[in-house]
Amino acid sequence: METLKDVKIGRTVRVVKVEGAGAIRRRIMDMGITKGVEIYVRKVAPLGDPIEITVRGYELSLRKQDAQMIMVE
């Protein structure tokens, strides 16, 4: 299964699962990244970190470490 970290710029994907535990998982879900939501990958910084996405109508930047916990299809 693909993670959000591996998604190419310009693609729209759907969240299948948010992995991780505790505060980190809760923080990701509080940002609106939950199962079934669509995410559009807008940009990736030159060194690959952070990743800029659009989710639920707003722009958000995520670290690669956090994006790796989000399973998408």
PDB file of N, CA and C in Angstrom:
ATOM      1  N   MET A   1       0.842  -1.182   0.000  1.00  0.00           N
ATOM      2  CA  MET A   1       0.000   0.000   0.000  1.00  0.00           C
ATOM      3  C   MET A   1       0.887   1.245   0.000  1.00  0.00           C
ATOM      4  N   GLU A   2       0.438   2.278  -0.664  1.00  0.00           N
ATOM      5  CA  GLU A   2       1.201   3.517  -0.831  1.00  0.00           C
ATOM      6  C   GLU A   2       0.970   4.463   0.353  1.00  0.00           C
ATOM      7  N   THR A   3       2.022   5.207   0.712  1.00  0.00           N
ATOM      8  CA  THR A   3       1.875   6.218   1.760  1.00  0.00           C
ATOM      9  C   THR A   3       1.817   7.599   1.114  1.00  0.00           C
ATOM     10  N   LEU A   4       1.356   8.583   1.859  1.00  0.00           N
ATOM     11  CA  LEU A   4       1.267   9.950   1.339  1.00  0.00           C
ATOM     12  C   LEU A   4       2.645  10.485   0.955  1.00  0.00           C
ATOM     13  N   LYS A   5       3.671  10.011   1.615  1.00  0.00           N
ATOM     14  CA  LYS A   5       5.048  10.433   1.316  1.00  0.00           C
ATOM     15  C   LYS A   5       5.447  10.072  -0.118  1.00  0.00           C
ATOM     16  N   ASP A   6       4.906   8.984  -0.649  1.00  0.00           N
ATOM     17  CA  ASP A   6       5.284   8.472  -1.968  1.00  0.00           C
ATOM     18  C   ASP A   6       4.464   9.048  -3.118  1.00  0.00           C
ATOM     19  N   VAL A   7       3.427   9.822  -2.836  1.00  0.00           N
ATOM     20  CA  VAL A   7       2.531  10.344  -3.865  1.00  0.00           C
ATOM     21  C   VAL A   7       3.225  11.476  -4.636  1.00  0.00           C
ATOM     22  N   LYS A   8       3.067  11.443  -5.953  1.00  0.00           N
ATOM     23  CA  LYS A   8       3.677  12.457  -6.826  1.00  0.00           C
ATOM     24  C   LYS A   8       2.867  13.748  -6.805  1.00  0.00           C
ATOM     25  N   ILE A   9       3.526  14.863  -7.121  1.00  0.00           N
ATOM     26  CA  ILE A   9       2.898  16.178  -7.175  1.00  0.00           C
ATOM     27  C   ILE A   9       1.766  16.167  -8.211  1.00  0.00           C
ATOM     28  N   GLY A  10       0.636  16.776  -7.851  1.00  0.00           N
ATOM     29  CA  GLY A  10      -0.484  16.893  -8.769  1.00  0.00           C
ATOM     30  C   GLY A  10      -1.510  15.783  -8.671  1.00  0.00           C
ATOM     31  N   ARG A  11      -1.258  14.773  -7.875  1.00  0.00           N
ATOM     32  CA  ARG A  11      -2.204  13.664  -7.734  1.00  0.00           C
ATOM     33  C   ARG A  11      -3.173  13.904  -6.582  1.00  0.00           C
ATOM     34  N   THR A  12      -4.363  13.375  -6.722  1.00  0.00           N
ATOM     35  CA  THR A  12      -5.351  13.376  -5.651  1.00  0.00           C
ATOM     36  C   THR A  12      -5.529  11.936  -5.198  1.00  0.00           C
ATOM     37  N   VAL A  13      -5.439  11.730  -3.894  1.00  0.00           N
ATOM     38  CA  VAL A  13      -5.554  10.378  -3.329  1.00  0.00           C
ATOM     39  C   VAL A  13      -6.582  10.384  -2.210  1.00  0.00           C
ATOM     40  N   ARG A  14      -7.011   9.182  -1.810  1.00  0.00           N
ATOM     41  CA  ARG A  14      -7.978   9.024  -0.726  1.00  0.00           C
ATOM     42  C   ARG A  14      -7.295   8.289   0.431  1.00  0.00           C
ATOM     43  N   VAL A  15      -7.519   8.769   1.645  1.00  0.00           N
ATOM     44  CA  VAL A  15      -6.914   8.168   2.833  1.00  0.00           C
ATOM     45  C   VAL A  15      -7.597   6.840   3.137  1.00  0.00           C
ATOM     46  N   VAL A  16      -6.782   5.800   3.317  1.00  0.00           N
ATOM     47  CA  VAL A  16      -7.286   4.477   3.667  1.00  0.00           C
ATOM     48  C   VAL A  16      -7.149   4.249   5.166  1.00  0.00           C
ATOM     49  N   LYS A  17      -6.019   4.707   5.731  1.00  0.00           N
ATOM     50  CA  LYS A  17      -5.740   4.425   7.135  1.00  0.00           C
ATOM     51  C   LYS A  17      -4.699   5.412   7.653  1.00  0.00           C
ATOM     52  N   VAL A  18      -4.828   5.809   8.906  1.00  0.00           N
ATOM     53  CA  VAL A  18      -3.816   6.624   9.565  1.00  0.00           C
ATOM     54  C   VAL A  18      -3.154   5.740  10.608  1.00  0.00           C
ATOM     55  N   GLU A  19      -1.861   5.466  10.403  1.00  0.00           N
ATOM     56  CA  GLU A  19      -1.124   4.615  11.333  1.00  0.00           C
ATOM     57  C   GLU A  19      -0.536   5.452  12.458  1.00  0.00           C
ATOM     58  N   GLY A  20       0.229   4.815  13.310  1.00  0.00           N
ATOM     59  CA  GLY A  20       0.838   5.523  14.423  1.00  0.00           C
ATOM     60  C   GLY A  20      -0.004   5.356  15.666  1.00  0.00           C
ATOM     61  N   ALA A  21       0.453   5.988  16.745  1.00  0.00           N
ATOM     62  CA  ALA A  21      -0.258   5.858  18.009  1.00  0.00           C
ATOM     63  C   ALA A  21      -0.111   7.135  18.824  1.00  0.00           C
ATOM     64  N   GLY A  22      -1.006   7.274  19.764  1.00  0.00           N
ATOM     65  CA  GLY A  22      -0.899   8.364  20.722  1.00  0.00           C
ATOM     66  C   GLY A  22      -1.086   9.743  20.141  1.00  0.00           C
ATOM     67  N   ALA A  23      -0.284  10.678  20.656  1.00  0.00           N
ATOM     68  CA  ALA A  23      -0.422  12.101  20.339  1.00  0.00           C
ATOM     69  C   ALA A  23      -0.189  12.408  18.862  1.00  0.00           C
ATOM     70  N   ILE A  24       0.736  11.708  18.221  1.00  0.00           N
ATOM     71  CA  ILE A  24       1.040  11.994  16.810  1.00  0.00           C
ATOM     72  C   ILE A  24      -0.157  11.645  15.928  1.00  0.00           C
ATOM     73  N   ARG A  25      -0.740  10.485  16.145  1.00  0.00           N
ATOM     74  CA  ARG A  25      -1.913  10.071  15.371  1.00  0.00           C
ATOM     75  C   ARG A  25      -3.080  11.030  15.622  1.00  0.00           C
ATOM     76  N   ARG A  26      -3.293  11.414  16.856  1.00  0.00           N
ATOM     77  CA  ARG A  26      -4.365  12.333  17.219  1.00  0.00           C
ATOM     78  C   ARG A  26      -4.163  13.691  16.532  1.00  0.00           C
ATOM     79  N   ARG A  27      -2.910  14.182  16.486  1.00  0.00           N
ATOM     80  CA  ARG A  27      -2.609  15.461  15.849  1.00  0.00           C
ATOM     81  C   ARG A  27      -2.919  15.416  14.358  1.00  0.00           C
ATOM     82  N   ILE A  28      -2.548  14.330  13.692  1.00  0.00           N
ATOM     83  CA  ILE A  28      -2.831  14.169  12.255  1.00  0.00           C
ATOM     84  C   ILE A  28      -4.340  14.172  12.020  1.00  0.00           C
ATOM     85  N   MET A  29      -5.071  13.450  12.844  1.00  0.00           N
ATOM     86  CA  MET A  29      -6.525  13.378  12.684  1.00  0.00           C
ATOM     87  C   MET A  29      -7.185  14.720  13.011  1.00  0.00           C
ATOM     88  N   ASP A  30      -6.651  15.471  13.958  1.00  0.00           N
ATOM     89  CA  ASP A  30      -7.182  16.793  14.292  1.00  0.00           C
ATOM     90  C   ASP A  30      -7.004  17.779  13.140  1.00  0.00           C
ATOM     91  N   MET A  31      -6.029  17.541  12.267  1.00  0.00           N
ATOM     92  CA  MET A  31      -5.810  18.400  11.101  1.00  0.00           C
ATOM     93  C   MET A  31      -6.817  18.097   9.992  1.00  0.00           C
ATOM     94  N   GLY A  32      -7.684  17.113  10.191  1.00  0.00           N
ATOM     95  CA  GLY A  32      -8.703  16.784   9.196  1.00  0.00           C
ATOM     96  C   GLY A  32      -8.342  15.617   8.309  1.00  0.00           C
ATOM     97  N   ILE A  33      -7.226  14.968   8.589  1.00  0.00           N
ATOM     98  CA  ILE A  33      -6.803  13.826   7.778  1.00  0.00           C
ATOM     99  C   ILE A  33      -7.351  12.563   8.444  1.00  0.00           C
ATOM    100  N   THR A  34      -8.505  12.130   7.935  1.00  0.00           N
ATOM    101  CA  THR A  34      -9.176  10.950   8.473  1.00  0.00           C
ATOM    102  C   THR A  34      -9.492   9.988   7.336  1.00  0.00           C
ATOM    103  N   LYS A  35      -9.898   8.791   7.681  1.00  0.00           N
ATOM    104  CA  LYS A  35     -10.209   7.766   6.687  1.00  0.00           C
ATOM    105  C   LYS A  35     -11.275   8.264   5.716  1.00  0.00           C
ATOM    106  N   GLY A  36     -11.018   8.096   4.416  1.00  0.00           N
ATOM    107  CA  GLY A  36     -11.969   8.444   3.377  1.00  0.00           C
ATOM    108  C   GLY A  36     -11.831   9.845   2.794  1.00  0.00           C
ATOM    109  N   VAL A  37     -11.058  10.719   3.428  1.00  0.00           N
ATOM    110  CA  VAL A  37     -10.917  12.100   2.939  1.00  0.00           C
ATOM    111  C   VAL A  37      -9.951  12.135   1.746  1.00  0.00           C
ATOM    112  N   GLU A  38     -10.232  13.048   0.795  1.00  0.00           N
ATOM    113  CA  GLU A  38      -9.358  13.200  -0.369  1.00  0.00           C
ATOM    114  C   GLU A  38      -8.280  14.232  -0.080  1.00  0.00           C
ATOM    115  N   ILE A  39      -7.061  13.941  -0.547  1.00  0.00           N
ATOM    116  CA  ILE A  39      -5.909  14.822  -0.364  1.00  0.00           C
ATOM    117  C   ILE A  39      -5.286  15.083  -1.725  1.00  0.00           C
ATOM    118  N   TYR A  40      -5.042  16.360  -2.020  1.00  0.00           N
ATOM    119  CA  TYR A  40      -4.364  16.767  -3.252  1.00  0.00           C
ATOM    120  C   TYR A  40      -2.951  17.198  -2.884  1.00  0.00           C
ATOM    121  N   VAL A  41      -1.948  16.599  -3.523  1.00  0.00           N
ATOM    122  CA  VAL A  41      -0.550  16.942  -3.251  1.00  0.00           C
ATOM    123  C   VAL A  41      -0.173  18.127  -4.136  1.00  0.00           C
ATOM    124  N   ARG A  42       0.055  19.292  -3.513  1.00  0.00           N
ATOM    125  CA  ARG A  42       0.349  20.537  -4.232  1.00  0.00           C
ATOM    126  C   ARG A  42       1.819  20.691  -4.561  1.00  0.00           C
ATOM    127  N   LYS A  43       2.671  20.555  -3.571  1.00  0.00           N
ATOM    128  CA  LYS A  43       4.111  20.792  -3.760  1.00  0.00           C
ATOM    129  C   LYS A  43       4.902  19.909  -2.818  1.00  0.00           C
ATOM    130  N   VAL A  44       6.160  19.714  -3.185  1.00  0.00           N
ATOM    131  CA  VAL A  44       7.124  19.062  -2.303  1.00  0.00           C
ATOM    132  C   VAL A  44       8.364  19.949  -2.298  1.00  0.00           C
ATOM    133  N   ALA A  45       8.873  20.252  -1.132  1.00  0.00           N
ATOM    134  CA  ALA A  45      10.058  21.107  -1.013  1.00  0.00           C
ATOM    135  C   ALA A  45      11.242  20.471  -1.740  1.00  0.00           C
ATOM    136  N   PRO A  46      12.214  21.259  -2.153  1.00  0.00           N
ATOM    137  CA  PRO A  46      13.353  20.737  -2.930  1.00  0.00           C
ATOM    138  C   PRO A  46      14.066  19.536  -2.287  1.00  0.00           C
ATOM    139  N   LEU A  47      14.180  19.523  -0.996  1.00  0.00           N
ATOM    140  CA  LEU A  47      14.830  18.382  -0.337  1.00  0.00           C
ATOM    141  C   LEU A  47      13.820  17.331   0.111  1.00  0.00           C
ATOM    142  N   GLY A  48      12.551  17.503  -0.298  1.00  0.00           N
ATOM    143  CA  GLY A  48      11.528  16.507  -0.015  1.00  0.00           C
ATOM    144  C   GLY A  48      10.793  16.709   1.296  1.00  0.00           C
ATOM    145  N   ASP A  49      11.137  17.707   2.058  1.00  0.00           N
ATOM    146  CA  ASP A  49      10.496  17.906   3.351  1.00  0.00           C
ATOM    147  C   ASP A  49      10.293  19.388   3.595  1.00  0.00           C
ATOM    148  N   PRO A  50       9.121  19.926   3.787  1.00  0.00           N
ATOM    149  CA  PRO A  50       7.826  19.263   3.961  1.00  0.00           C
ATOM    150  C   PRO A  50       7.072  19.063   2.647  1.00  0.00           C
ATOM    151  N   ILE A  51       5.914  18.436   2.772  1.00  0.00           N
ATOM    152  CA  ILE A  51       5.011  18.200   1.652  1.00  0.00           C
ATOM    153  C   ILE A  51       3.814  19.124   1.851  1.00  0.00           C
ATOM    154  N   GLU A  52       3.441  19.871   0.817  1.00  0.00           N
ATOM    155  CA  GLU A  52       2.282  20.763   0.922  1.00  0.00           C
ATOM    156  C   GLU A  52       1.090  20.096   0.260  1.00  0.00           C
ATOM    157  N   ILE A  53      -0.009  19.984   1.006  1.00  0.00           N
ATOM    158  CA  ILE A  53      -1.207  19.313   0.522  1.00  0.00           C
ATOM    159  C   ILE A  53      -2.421  20.213   0.695  1.00  0.00           C
ATOM    160  N   THR A  54      -3.500  19.850  -0.003  1.00  0.00           N
ATOM    161  CA  THR A  54      -4.799  20.490   0.200  1.00  0.00           C
ATOM    162  C   THR A  54      -5.741  19.406   0.705  1.00  0.00           C
ATOM    163  N   VAL A  55      -6.344  19.662   1.862  1.00  0.00           N
ATOM    164  CA  VAL A  55      -7.265  18.709   2.471  1.00  0.00           C
ATOM    165  C   VAL A  55      -8.453  19.480   3.043  1.00  0.00           C
ATOM    166  N   ARG A  56      -9.664  19.038   2.707  1.00  0.00           N
ATOM    167  CA  ARG A  56     -10.906  19.670   3.190  1.00  0.00           C
ATOM    168  C   ARG A  56     -10.942  21.173   2.916  1.00  0.00           C
ATOM    169  N   GLY A  57     -10.362  21.595   1.779  1.00  0.00           N
ATOM    170  CA  GLY A  57     -10.444  22.985   1.368  1.00  0.00           C
ATOM    171  C   GLY A  57      -9.387  23.916   1.942  1.00  0.00           C
ATOM    172  N   TYR A  58      -8.434  23.401   2.679  1.00  0.00           N
ATOM    173  CA  TYR A  58      -7.359  24.269   3.171  1.00  0.00           C
ATOM    174  C   TYR A  58      -5.997  23.650   2.904  1.00  0.00           C
ATOM    175  N   GLU A  59      -4.976  24.511   2.909  1.00  0.00           N
ATOM    176  CA  GLU A  59      -3.617  24.063   2.632  1.00  0.00           C
ATOM    177  C   GLU A  59      -2.910  23.696   3.922  1.00  0.00           C
ATOM    178  N   LEU A  60      -2.088  22.665   3.842  1.00  0.00           N
ATOM    179  CA  LEU A  60      -1.425  22.133   5.016  1.00  0.00           C
ATOM    180  C   LEU A  60      -0.039  21.637   4.616  1.00  0.00           C
ATOM    181  N   SER A  61       0.934  21.831   5.480  1.00  0.00           N
ATOM    182  CA  SER A  61       2.282  21.296   5.246  1.00  0.00           C
ATOM    183  C   SER A  61       2.546  20.194   6.253  1.00  0.00           C
ATOM    184  N   LEU A  62       3.055  19.074   5.755  1.00  0.00           N
ATOM    185  CA  LEU A  62       3.351  17.924   6.601  1.00  0.00           C
ATOM    186  C   LEU A  62       4.808  17.513   6.446  1.00  0.00           C
ATOM    187  N   ARG A  63       5.403  17.076   7.520  1.00  0.00           N
ATOM    188  CA  ARG A  63       6.754  16.510   7.444  1.00  0.00           C
ATOM    189  C   ARG A  63       6.667  15.122   6.810  1.00  0.00           C
ATOM    190  N   LYS A  64       7.763  14.698   6.181  1.00  0.00           N
ATOM    191  CA  LYS A  64       7.806  13.360   5.575  1.00  0.00           C
ATOM    192  C   LYS A  64       7.519  12.289   6.607  1.00  0.00           C
ATOM    193  N   GLN A  65       8.027  12.483   7.805  1.00  0.00           N
ATOM    194  CA  GLN A  65       7.838  11.522   8.891  1.00  0.00           C
ATOM    195  C   GLN A  65       6.343  11.327   9.184  1.00  0.00           C
ATOM    196  N   ASP A  66       5.575  12.413   9.182  1.00  0.00           N
ATOM    197  CA  ASP A  66       4.135  12.318   9.424  1.00  0.00           C
ATOM    198  C   ASP A  66       3.406  11.758   8.203  1.00  0.00           C
ATOM    199  N   ALA A  67       3.819  12.167   7.004  1.00  0.00           N
ATOM    200  CA  ALA A  67       3.192  11.703   5.769  1.00  0.00           C
ATOM    201  C   ALA A  67       3.368  10.204   5.578  1.00  0.00           C
ATOM    202  N   GLN A  68       4.414   9.647   6.140  1.00  0.00           N
ATOM    203  CA  GLN A  68       4.674   8.217   6.009  1.00  0.00           C
ATOM    204  C   GLN A  68       3.663   7.400   6.805  1.00  0.00           C
ATOM    205  N   MET A  69       2.993   7.990   7.763  1.00  0.00           N
ATOM    206  CA  MET A  69       1.988   7.278   8.571  1.00  0.00           C
ATOM    207  C   MET A  69       0.614   7.265   7.933  1.00  0.00           C
ATOM    208  N   ILE A  70       0.446   7.969   6.811  1.00  0.00           N
ATOM    209  CA  ILE A  70      -0.867   8.074   6.167  1.00  0.00           C
ATOM    210  C   ILE A  70      -0.898   7.166   4.943  1.00  0.00           C
ATOM    211  N   MET A  71      -1.703   6.108   5.031  1.00  0.00           N
ATOM    212  CA  MET A  71      -1.829   5.150   3.938  1.00  0.00           C
ATOM    213  C   MET A  71      -2.922   5.645   2.987  1.00  0.00           C
ATOM    214  N   VAL A  72      -2.626   5.649   1.670  1.00  0.00           N
ATOM    215  CA  VAL A  72      -3.558   6.178   0.674  1.00  0.00           C
ATOM    216  C   VAL A  72      -3.738   5.212  -0.493  1.00  0.00           C
ATOM    217  N   GLU A  73      -4.779   5.478  -1.283  1.00  0.00           N
ATOM    218  CA  GLU A  73      -5.001   4.739  -2.534  1.00  0.00           C
ATOM    219  C   GLU A  73      -5.345   5.678  -3.649  1.00  0.00           C
TER     220      GLU A  73
END
